[in-house]
C-alpha atoms as a PDB file:
ATOM      1  CA  UNK A   1      53.335 -24.792 -33.386  1.00  0.00           C
ATOM      2  CA  UNK A   2      51.418 -24.180 -30.201  1.00  0.00           C
ATOM      3  CA  UNK A   3      52.678 -21.481 -27.839  1.00  0.00           C
ATOM      4  CA  UNK A   4      49.803 -21.707 -25.403  1.00  0.00           C
ATOM      5  CA  UNK A   5      50.990 -22.580 -21.885  1.00  0.00           C
ATOM      6  CA  UNK A   6      49.905 -25.918 -20.470  1.00  0.00           C
ATOM      7  CA  UNK A   7      48.810 -26.720 -16.933  1.00  0.00           C
ATOM      8  CA  UNK A   8      48.853 -23.015 -16.045  1.00  0.00           C
ATOM      9  CA  UNK A   9      52.591 -22.779 -16.732  1.00  0.00           C
ATOM     10  CA  UNK A  10      53.646 -19.627 -18.613  1.00  0.00           C
ATOM     11  CA  UNK A  11      55.022 -19.983 -22.130  1.00  0.00           C
ATOM     12  CA  UNK A  12      58.816 -19.771 -22.100  1.00  0.00           C
ATOM     13  CA  UNK A  13      60.196 -16.853 -24.116  1.00  0.00           C
ATOM     14  CA  UNK A  14      63.679 -16.353 -25.566  1.00  0.00           C
ATOM     15  CA  UNK A  15      64.690 -12.935 -26.947  1.00  0.00           C
ATOM     16  CA  UNK A  16      67.276 -12.693 -29.739  1.00  0.00           C
ATOM     17  CA  UNK A  17      68.366  -9.078 -30.102  1.00  0.00           C
ATOM     18  CA  UNK A  18      71.762  -7.393 -29.915  1.00  0.00           C
ATOM     19  CA  UNK A  19      70.499  -4.026 -28.620  1.00  0.00           C
ATOM     20  CA  UNK A  20      70.636  -3.849 -24.817  1.00  0.00           C
ATOM     21  CA  UNK A  21      67.990  -1.121 -24.648  1.00  0.00           C
ATOM     22  CA  UNK A  22      65.538  -3.051 -26.808  1.00  0.00           C
ATOM     23  CA  UNK A  23      66.280  -6.228 -24.858  1.00  0.00           C
ATOM     24  CA  UNK A  24      65.500  -4.603 -21.524  1.00  0.00           C
ATOM     25  CA  UNK A  25      62.371  -2.946 -22.919  1.00  0.00           C
ATOM     26  CA  UNK A  26      61.134  -6.183 -24.461  1.00  0.00           C
ATOM     27  CA  UNK A  27      61.740  -8.135 -21.245  1.00  0.00           C
ATOM     28  CA  UNK A  28      59.825  -5.579 -19.199  1.00  0.00           C
ATOM     29  CA  UNK A  29      56.875  -5.703 -21.603  1.00  0.00           C
ATOM     30  CA  UNK A  30      56.831  -9.487 -22.071  1.00  0.00           C
ATOM     31  CA  UNK A  31      56.840 -10.146 -18.340  1.00  0.00           C
ATOM     32  CA  UNK A  32      53.725  -7.994 -17.936  1.00  0.00           C
ATOM     33  CA  UNK A  33      51.783 -10.136 -20.421  1.00  0.00           C
ATOM     34  CA  UNK A  34      49.907 -12.963 -18.792  1.00  0.00           C
ATOM     35  CA  UNK A  35      51.005 -16.435 -19.864  1.00  0.00           C
ATOM     36  CA  UNK A  36      54.540 -15.416 -20.910  1.00  0.00           C
ATOM     37  CA  UNK A  37      57.866 -15.514 -19.072  1.00  0.00           C
ATOM     38  CA  UNK A  38      61.321 -14.564 -20.406  1.00  0.00           C
ATOM     39  CA  UNK A  39      63.784 -17.403 -19.787  1.00  0.00           C
ATOM     40  CA  UNK A  40      66.706 -16.394 -21.985  1.00  0.00           C
ATOM     41  CA  UNK A  41      68.367 -13.775 -24.164  1.00  0.00           C
ATOM     42  CA  UNK A  42      70.915 -13.995 -26.971  1.00  0.00           C
ATOM     43  CA  UNK A  43      72.866 -11.407 -28.947  1.00  0.00           C
ATOM     44  CA  UNK A  44      74.209 -13.618 -31.743  1.00  0.00           C
ATOM     45  CA  UNK A  45      73.102 -16.600 -33.782  1.00  0.00           C
ATOM     46  CA  UNK A  46      75.427 -18.977 -31.920  1.00  0.00           C
ATOM     47  CA  UNK A  47      74.141 -17.741 -28.561  1.00  0.00           C
ATOM     48  CA  UNK A  48      70.577 -18.088 -29.819  1.00  0.00           C
ATOM     49  CA  UNK A  49      71.146 -21.695 -30.878  1.00  0.00           C
ATOM     50  CA  UNK A  50      72.674 -22.489 -27.501  1.00  0.00           C
ATOM     51  CA  UNK A  51      69.974 -20.870 -25.385  1.00  0.00           C
ATOM     52  CA  UNK A  52      67.166 -22.341 -27.502  1.00  0.00           C
ATOM     53  CA  UNK A  53      68.684 -25.808 -27.201  1.00  0.00           C
ATOM     54  CA  UNK A  54      68.965 -25.377 -23.423  1.00  0.00           C
ATOM     55  CA  UNK A  55      65.666 -23.650 -22.634  1.00  0.00           C
ATOM     56  CA  UNK A  56      63.316 -25.258 -25.214  1.00  0.00           C
ATOM     57  CA  UNK A  57      61.295 -22.018 -25.599  1.00  0.00           C
ATOM     58  CA  UNK A  58      57.658 -21.841 -26.626  1.00  0.00           C
ATOM     59  CA  UNK A  59      58.105 -18.340 -28.085  1.00  0.00           C
ATOM     60  CA  UNK A  60      61.129 -16.663 -29.702  1.00  0.00           C
ATOM     61  CA  UNK A  61      61.243 -12.910 -30.309  1.00  0.00           C
ATOM     62  CA  UNK A  62      63.806 -12.411 -33.067  1.00  0.00           C
ATOM     63  CA  UNK A  63      65.488  -9.379 -34.572  1.00  0.00           C
ATOM     64  CA  UNK A  64      66.140 -10.695 -38.067  1.00  0.00           C
ATOM     65  CA  UNK A  65      68.886  -8.177 -38.881  1.00  0.00           C
ATOM     66  CA  UNK A  66      71.172  -8.649 -35.904  1.00  0.00           C
ATOM     67  CA  UNK A  67      73.566 -11.170 -37.496  1.00  0.00           C
ATOM     68  CA  UNK A  68      75.922  -9.464 -39.989  1.00  0.00           C
ATOM     69  CA  UNK A  69      77.972 -12.598 -40.631  1.00  0.00           C
ATOM     70  CA  UNK A  70      75.008 -14.602 -41.906  1.00  0.00           C
ATOM     71  CA  UNK A  71      71.803 -14.022 -43.737  1.00  0.00           C
ATOM     72  CA  UNK A  72      68.998 -13.446 -41.276  1.00  0.00           C
ATOM     73  CA  UNK A  73      66.895 -15.986 -43.151  1.00  0.00           C
ATOM     74  CA  UNK A  74      69.631 -18.612 -42.796  1.00  0.00           C
ATOM     75  CA  UNK A  75      69.854 -17.859 -39.075  1.00  0.00           C
ATOM     76  CA  UNK A  76      66.070 -18.079 -38.794  1.00  0.00           C
ATOM     77  CA  UNK A  77      66.145 -21.510 -40.407  1.00  0.00           C
ATOM     78  CA  UNK A  78      68.868 -22.724 -38.036  1.00  0.00           C
ATOM     79  CA  UNK A  79      67.109 -21.394 -34.948  1.00  0.00           C
ATOM     80  CA  UNK A  80      63.891 -23.008 -36.083  1.00  0.00           C
ATOM     81  CA  UNK A  81      65.664 -26.350 -36.518  1.00  0.00           C
ATOM     82  CA  UNK A  82      66.723 -26.233 -32.857  1.00  0.00           C
ATOM     83  CA  UNK A  83      63.361 -25.001 -31.518  1.00  0.00           C
ATOM     84  CA  UNK A  84      60.894 -26.559 -33.944  1.00  0.00           C
ATOM     85  CA  UNK A  85      57.890 -26.193 -31.631  1.00  0.00           C
ATOM     86  CA  UNK A  86      58.480 -22.519 -30.872  1.00  0.00           C
ATOM     87  CA  UNK A  87      56.292 -19.767 -32.284  1.00  0.00           C
ATOM     88  CA  UNK A  88      58.635 -17.118 -33.714  1.00  0.00           C
ATOM     89  CA  UNK A  89      57.767 -13.425 -33.593  1.00  0.00           C
ATOM     90  CA  UNK A  90      60.009 -11.525 -36.011  1.00  0.00           C
ATOM     91  CA  UNK A  91      60.361  -8.069 -34.470  1.00  0.00           C
ATOM     92  CA  UNK A  92      62.732  -6.172 -36.703  1.00  0.00           C
ATOM     93  CA  UNK A  93      63.418  -2.999 -38.629  1.00  0.00           C
ATOM     94  CA  UNK A  94      63.489  -2.763 -42.414  1.00  0.00           C
ATOM     95  CA  UNK A  95      61.029  -5.582 -43.092  1.00  0.00           C
ATOM     96  CA  UNK A  96      61.078  -5.209 -46.865  1.00  0.00           C
ATOM     97  CA  UNK A  97      58.664  -7.105 -49.139  1.00  0.00           C
ATOM     98  CA  UNK A  98      61.469  -9.480 -50.114  1.00  0.00           C
ATOM     99  CA  UNK A  99      62.336 -10.221 -46.474  1.00  0.00           C
ATOM    100  CA  UNK A 100      58.658 -10.750 -45.641  1.00  0.00           C
ATOM    101  CA  UNK A 101      58.354 -13.165 -48.571  1.00  0.00           C
ATOM    102  CA  UNK A 102      61.422 -15.110 -47.417  1.00  0.00           C
ATOM    103  CA  UNK A 103      60.248 -15.259 -43.790  1.00  0.00           C
ATOM    104  CA  UNK A 104      56.866 -16.631 -44.835  1.00  0.00           C
ATOM    105  CA  UNK A 105      58.609 -19.164 -47.065  1.00  0.00           C
ATOM    106  CA  UNK A 106      60.232 -20.580 -43.925  1.00  0.00           C
ATOM    107  CA  UNK A 107      56.814 -21.216 -42.377  1.00  0.00           C
ATOM    108  CA  UNK A 108      54.207 -19.280 -40.425  1.00  0.00           C
ATOM    109  CA  UNK A 109      55.622 -16.553 -38.217  1.00  0.00           C
ATOM    110  CA  UNK A 110      54.314 -13.371 -36.675  1.00  0.00           C
ATOM    111  CA  UNK A 111      55.870 -10.187 -38.030  1.00  0.00           C
ATOM    112  CA  UNK A 112      55.876  -6.634 -36.722  1.00  0.00           C
ATOM    113  CA  UNK A 113      58.216  -3.740 -37.422  1.00  0.00           C
ATOM    114  CA  UNK A 114      60.306  -2.106 -34.691  1.00  0.00           C
ATOM    115  CA  UNK A 115      58.488   1.127 -35.444  1.00  0.00           C
ATOM    116  CA  UNK A 116      55.313  -0.445 -33.998  1.00  0.00           C
ATOM    117  CA  UNK A 117      53.747   0.991 -30.870  1.00  0.00           C
ATOM    118  CA  UNK A 118      53.933  -0.778 -27.511  1.00  0.00           C
ATOM    119  CA  UNK A 119      50.216  -1.456 -27.754  1.00  0.00           C
ATOM    120  CA  UNK A 120      50.664  -3.258 -31.060  1.00  0.00           C
ATOM    121  CA  UNK A 121      53.611  -5.188 -29.642  1.00  0.00           C
ATOM    122  CA  UNK A 122      51.378  -6.305 -26.756  1.00  0.00           C
ATOM    123  CA  UNK A 123      48.702  -7.421 -29.230  1.00  0.00           C
ATOM    124  CA  UNK A 124      51.300  -9.502 -31.042  1.00  0.00           C
ATOM    125  CA  UNK A 125      52.461 -11.014 -27.747  1.00  0.00           C
ATOM    126  CA  UNK A 126      48.899 -11.939 -26.789  1.00  0.00           C
ATOM    127  CA  UNK A 127      48.515 -13.610 -30.192  1.00  0.00           C
ATOM    128  CA  UNK A 128      51.676 -15.699 -29.900  1.00  0.00           C
ATOM    129  CA  UNK A 129      50.769 -16.608 -26.303  1.00  0.00           C
ATOM    130  CA  UNK A 130      47.573 -18.111 -27.741  1.00  0.00           C
ATOM    131  CA  UNK A 131      49.486 -19.925 -30.487  1.00  0.00           C
ATOM    132  CA  UNK A 132      48.235 -17.596 -33.237  1.00  0.00           C
ATOM    133  CA  UNK A 133      50.102 -15.669 -35.899  1.00  0.00           C
ATOM    134  CA  UNK A 134      50.070 -11.877 -35.994  1.00  0.00           C
ATOM    135  CA  UNK A 135      50.893  -9.452 -38.801  1.00  0.00           C
ATOM    136  CA  UNK A 136      50.891  -5.718 -38.217  1.00  0.00           C
ATOM    137  CA  UNK A 137      48.561  -3.738 -40.540  1.00  0.00           C
ATOM    138  CA  UNK A 138      51.443  -2.449 -42.674  1.00  0.00           C
ATOM    139  CA  UNK A 139      52.851  -5.942 -43.122  1.00  0.00           C
ATOM    140  CA  UNK A 140      49.388  -7.320 -43.880  1.00  0.00           C
ATOM    141  CA  UNK A 141      49.095  -4.698 -46.639  1.00  0.00           C
ATOM    142  CA  UNK A 142      52.481  -5.777 -48.013  1.00  0.00           C
ATOM    143  CA  UNK A 143      51.409  -9.418 -47.980  1.00  0.00           C
ATOM    144  CA  UNK A 144      48.239  -8.587 -49.886  1.00  0.00           C
ATOM    145  CA  UNK A 145      50.293  -6.668 -52.462  1.00  0.00           C
ATOM    146  CA  UNK A 146      52.686  -9.600 -52.818  1.00  0.00           C
ATOM    147  CA  UNK A 147      49.776 -11.982 -53.307  1.00  0.00           C
ATOM    148  CA  UNK A 148      48.260  -9.693 -55.939  1.00  0.00           C
ATOM    149  CA  UNK A 149      51.575  -9.554 -57.797  1.00  0.00           C
ATOM    150  CA  UNK A 150      52.039 -13.308 -57.509  1.00  0.00           C
ATOM    151  CA  UNK A 151      48.487 -13.930 -58.691  1.00  0.00           C
ATOM    152  CA  UNK A 152      48.969 -11.764 -61.766  1.00  0.00           C
ATOM    153  CA  UNK A 153      52.293 -13.395 -62.566  1.00  0.00           C
ATOM    154  CA  UNK A 154      51.234 -16.999 -62.044  1.00  0.00           C
ATOM    155  CA  UNK A 155      47.573 -16.831 -62.950  1.00  0.00           C
ATOM    156  CA  UNK A 156      46.396 -17.572 -59.411  1.00  0.00           C
ATOM    157  CA  UNK A 157      43.063 -16.752 -57.878  1.00  0.00           C
ATOM    158  CA  UNK A 158      40.786 -18.387 -60.380  1.00  0.00           C
ATOM    159  CA  UNK A 159      37.671 -18.062 -58.251  1.00  0.00           C
ATOM    160  CA  UNK A 160      37.581 -21.743 -57.257  1.00  0.00           C
ATOM    161  CA  UNK A 161      36.554 -21.930 -53.642  1.00  0.00           C
ATOM    162  CA  UNK A 162      38.587 -24.229 -51.406  1.00  0.00           C
ATOM    163  CA  UNK A 163      36.888 -26.781 -49.167  1.00  0.00           C
ATOM    164  CA  UNK A 164      37.468 -26.583 -45.423  1.00  0.00           C
ATOM    165  CA  UNK A 165      39.750 -29.612 -45.688  1.00  0.00           C
ATOM    166  CA  UNK A 166      41.776 -27.941 -48.453  1.00  0.00           C
ATOM    167  CA  UNK A 167      42.024 -24.751 -46.383  1.00  0.00           C
ATOM    168  CA  UNK A 168      43.274 -26.822 -43.461  1.00  0.00           C
ATOM    169  CA  UNK A 169      45.896 -28.560 -45.596  1.00  0.00           C
ATOM    170  CA  UNK A 170      46.957 -25.221 -47.101  1.00  0.00           C
ATOM    171  CA  UNK A 171      47.371 -23.660 -43.661  1.00  0.00           C
ATOM    172  CA  UNK A 172      49.608 -26.509 -42.541  1.00  0.00           C
ATOM    173  CA  UNK A 173      51.608 -26.441 -45.782  1.00  0.00           C
ATOM    174  CA  UNK A 174      52.201 -22.716 -45.292  1.00  0.00           C
ATOM    175  CA  UNK A 175      53.544 -23.516 -41.832  1.00  0.00           C
ATOM    176  CA  UNK A 176      56.243 -25.627 -43.464  1.00  0.00           C
ATOM    177  CA  UNK A 177      54.756 -29.048 -42.676  1.00  0.00           C
ATOM    178  CA  UNK A 178      55.214 -31.966 -45.054  1.00  0.00           C
ATOM    179  CA  UNK A 179      52.331 -34.015 -46.445  1.00  0.00           C
ATOM    180  CA  UNK A 180      53.249 -36.888 -44.130  1.00  0.00           C
ATOM    181  CA  UNK A 181      53.265 -34.594 -41.075  1.00  0.00           C
ATOM    182  CA  UNK A 182      49.875 -33.179 -42.063  1.00  0.00           C
ATOM    183  CA  UNK A 183      48.503 -36.683 -42.581  1.00  0.00           C
ATOM    184  CA  UNK A 184      49.591 -37.719 -39.081  1.00  0.00           C
ATOM    185  CA  UNK A 185      48.132 -34.539 -37.575  1.00  0.00           C
ATOM    186  CA  UNK A 186      44.763 -34.866 -39.321  1.00  0.00           C
ATOM    187  CA  UNK A 187      44.511 -38.654 -39.059  1.00  0.00           C
ATOM    188  CA  UNK A 188      44.521 -39.116 -42.842  1.00  0.00           C
ATOM    189  CA  UNK A 189      46.567 -41.189 -45.233  1.00  0.00           C
ATOM    190  CA  UNK A 190      49.502 -39.578 -47.008  1.00  0.00           C
ATOM    191  CA  UNK A 191      47.800 -40.175 -50.355  1.00  0.00           C
ATOM    192  CA  UNK A 192      44.633 -38.375 -49.204  1.00  0.00           C
ATOM    193  CA  UNK A 193      46.637 -35.325 -48.115  1.00  0.00           C
ATOM    194  CA  UNK A 194      48.609 -35.406 -51.370  1.00  0.00           C
ATOM    195  CA  UNK A 195      45.341 -35.395 -53.326  1.00  0.00           C
ATOM    196  CA  UNK A 196      44.023 -32.422 -51.310  1.00  0.00           C
ATOM    197  CA  UNK A 197      47.341 -30.644 -51.880  1.00  0.00           C
ATOM    198  CA  UNK A 198      47.243 -31.205 -55.637  1.00  0.00           C
ATOM    199  CA  UNK A 199      43.618 -30.030 -55.910  1.00  0.00           C
ATOM    200  CA  UNK A 200      44.131 -26.846 -53.897  1.00  0.00           C
ATOM    201  CA  UNK A 201      47.238 -25.975 -55.880  1.00  0.00           C
ATOM    202  CA  UNK A 202      45.297 -26.400 -59.111  1.00  0.00           C
ATOM    203  CA  UNK A 203      42.466 -24.237 -57.787  1.00  0.00           C
ATOM    204  CA  UNK A 204      44.642 -21.296 -56.701  1.00  0.00           C
ATOM    205  CA  UNK A 205      47.304 -21.734 -59.380  1.00  0.00           C
ATOM    206  CA  UNK A 206      50.250 -21.610 -56.958  1.00  0.00           C
ATOM    207  CA  UNK A 207      52.774 -24.338 -56.254  1.00  0.00           C
ATOM    208  CA  UNK A 208      55.817 -23.017 -54.396  1.00  0.00           C
ATOM    209  CA  UNK A 209      55.803 -22.895 -50.585  1.00  0.00           C
ATOM    210  CA  UNK A 210      56.547 -19.161 -50.553  1.00  0.00           C
ATOM    211  CA  UNK A 211      53.570 -18.485 -52.815  1.00  0.00           C
ATOM    212  CA  UNK A 212      51.304 -20.736 -50.735  1.00  0.00           C
ATOM    213  CA  UNK A 213      52.401 -18.987 -47.537  1.00  0.00           C
ATOM    214  CA  UNK A 214      51.602 -15.575 -48.965  1.00  0.00           C
ATOM    215  CA  UNK A 215      48.216 -16.764 -50.173  1.00  0.00           C
ATOM    216  CA  UNK A 216      47.405 -18.418 -46.835  1.00  0.00           C
ATOM    217  CA  UNK A 217      48.491 -15.338 -44.864  1.00  0.00           C
ATOM    218  CA  UNK A 218      46.434 -12.975 -47.021  1.00  0.00           C
ATOM    219  CA  UNK A 219      43.330 -15.150 -46.603  1.00  0.00           C
ATOM    220  CA  UNK A 220      43.658 -15.478 -42.825  1.00  0.00           C
ATOM    221  CA  UNK A 221      44.477 -19.195 -42.947  1.00  0.00           C
ATOM    222  CA  UNK A 222      47.551 -18.882 -40.721  1.00  0.00           C
ATOM    223  CA  UNK A 223      45.772 -17.279 -37.775  1.00  0.00           C
ATOM    224  CA  UNK A 224      44.080 -20.545 -36.889  1.00  0.00           C
ATOM    225  CA  UNK A 225      43.818 -23.799 -38.776  1.00  0.00           C
ATOM    226  CA  UNK A 226      40.211 -24.369 -39.806  1.00  0.00           C
ATOM    227  CA  UNK A 227      38.408 -27.531 -38.750  1.00  0.00           C
ATOM    228  CA  UNK A 228      38.809 -30.366 -41.245  1.00  0.00           C
ATOM    229  CA  UNK A 229      35.128 -30.787 -42.066  1.00  0.00           C
ATOM    230  CA  UNK A 230      34.526 -30.571 -45.800  1.00  0.00           C
ATOM    231  CA  UNK A 231      32.060 -28.151 -47.314  1.00  0.00           C
ATOM    232  CA  UNK A 232      30.830 -27.859 -50.885  1.00  0.00           C
ATOM    233  CA  UNK A 233      33.371 -26.141 -53.121  1.00  0.00           C
ATOM    234  CA  UNK A 234      30.836 -24.494 -55.352  1.00  0.00           C
END
């Protein structure tokens, strides 16, 4: 998911938020950030699906709690299915550990709370404009706590160092990509990627996508995919 503008064209931004005040504030801030341009706004899930289908945004700024009729996670999944190449910045209140876990299980997204300062919001915007993920310090702390809990529960973190190739595969898995998609991206066979996937899962002791996403986020593997050159795993 690359949000970086091409050929000097600004990345196209869609805002999904039902609060007029927040919408106007977000638009004013986004349009001051180089490389970004607001092209649409939606108040509901159905409006979001329509505008994303029409505008093909590079970046979506989403309030996860604006849709009372549906689970925010379900709405996130549907919006993502329409705008698969968009980098989604979840900008919402009440980002509980369970919500953070579910968001990461849907793939790599940037998350900041609505209590964040404008300066932090700008930092997040600069990150998504460059195609990187961003987690506010409080959310990063929550992710680390979730990983610690998961590690204790599932016996993860056995001290086996991942190779650069395994880190690369893990980062892509945490973004929600399949083994076949990763193979095509890295120029490898599906069987080679499957072998890397099996080895890294054995090393860290985690197997579910949500667990892998938490682990990858806590180890900085979602900020930028590492180069695929192997290194010794000792």
